[in-house]
C-alpha cells in the first residue's frame, strides 16, 4: 500500500479543502480588509478552518468505529 493513499479519501480531501479555505480567509483576505469587517472575516476564517479539522476528525472517528457510511 502506498504510504499516503489513506489521505486521498473524500473525508481527508474535503476536510483539507475546507480548512485551507478558512486559513486563506483568515490569513490573506482579512489583513487586506480595512474597517470593521477585518475582525469579522478573521474570526469567520478561523471558524471555517476549525470546521475543516472537525470534518477530518469525524472521518477518522467513523473509520475507527468501522462505519461504512462515509
Protein backbone atom coordinates (compact mmCIF):
# COMPACT_ATOMS: atom_id res chain seq x y z
CA UNK A 1 0.00 0.00 0.00
CA UNK A 2 1.21 3.46 -0.79
CA UNK A 3 2.09 5.44 2.34
CA UNK A 4 -0.14 8.42 1.54
CA UNK A 5 -3.06 6.57 -0.10
CA UNK A 6 -5.18 6.86 3.05
CA UNK A 7 -5.06 10.65 2.74
CA UNK A 8 -6.90 10.63 -0.59
CA UNK A 9 -10.27 9.63 0.85
CA UNK A 10 -13.16 12.08 0.38
CA UNK A 11 -13.15 12.97 4.08
CA UNK A 12 -9.47 13.93 4.06
CA UNK A 13 -9.71 15.86 0.81
CA UNK A 14 -12.88 17.67 1.83
CA UNK A 15 -11.55 18.49 5.29
CA UNK A 16 -8.27 19.77 3.90
CA UNK A 17 -10.10 21.91 1.34
CA UNK A 18 -12.37 23.42 3.99
CA UNK A 19 -9.50 24.02 6.41
CA UNK A 20 -7.36 25.52 3.64
CA UNK A 21 -10.14 27.88 2.62
CA UNK A 22 -10.52 29.01 6.22
CA UNK A 23 -6.80 29.65 6.57
CA UNK A 24 -6.74 31.64 3.33
CA UNK A 25 -9.70 33.67 4.53
CA UNK A 26 -8.15 34.39 7.92
CA UNK A 27 -4.54 34.94 6.82
CA UNK A 28 -4.82 36.52 3.37
CA UNK A 29 -8.21 38.11 2.96
CA UNK A 30 -8.76 39.53 6.44
CA UNK A 31 -5.49 41.51 6.63
CA UNK A 32 -6.28 43.10 3.26
CA UNK A 33 -9.58 44.44 4.53
CA UNK A 34 -9.96 47.70 6.38
CA UNK A 35 -12.54 48.83 8.84
CA UNK A 36 -14.99 46.87 10.91
CA UNK A 37 -15.08 43.83 8.59
CA UNK A 38 -11.49 42.77 9.26
CA UNK A 39 -12.05 41.09 12.66
CA UNK A 40 -15.31 39.56 11.47
CA UNK A 41 -13.66 37.95 8.43
CA UNK A 42 -10.69 36.79 10.51
CA UNK A 43 -12.91 35.05 13.07
CA UNK A 44 -15.04 33.56 10.29
CA UNK A 45 -11.91 32.18 8.60
CA UNK A 46 -10.67 30.68 11.85
CA UNK A 47 -14.04 29.03 12.43
CA UNK A 48 -14.09 27.62 8.90
CA UNK A 49 -10.56 26.25 9.37
CA UNK A 50 -11.60 24.64 12.64
CA UNK A 51 -14.64 23.18 10.88
CA UNK A 52 -12.35 21.56 8.33
CA UNK A 53 -10.37 19.94 11.11
CA UNK A 54 -13.61 18.69 12.63
CA UNK A 55 -14.55 17.09 9.30
CA UNK A 56 -11.23 15.22 9.27
CA UNK A 57 -11.64 14.17 12.89
CA UNK A 58 -15.17 12.96 12.23
CA UNK A 59 -13.96 10.92 9.28
CA UNK A 60 -11.27 9.33 11.40
CA UNK A 61 -13.84 8.52 14.06
CA UNK A 62 -16.13 6.82 11.51
CA UNK A 63 -13.23 4.84 10.11
CA UNK A 64 -12.10 3.72 13.54
CA UNK A 65 -15.59 2.56 14.52
CA UNK A 66 -15.91 0.66 11.27
CA UNK A 67 -18.91 2.52 9.88
CA UNK A 68 -19.20 2.34 6.14
CA UNK A 69 -21.38 5.45 5.80
CA UNK A 70 -18.64 7.72 4.54
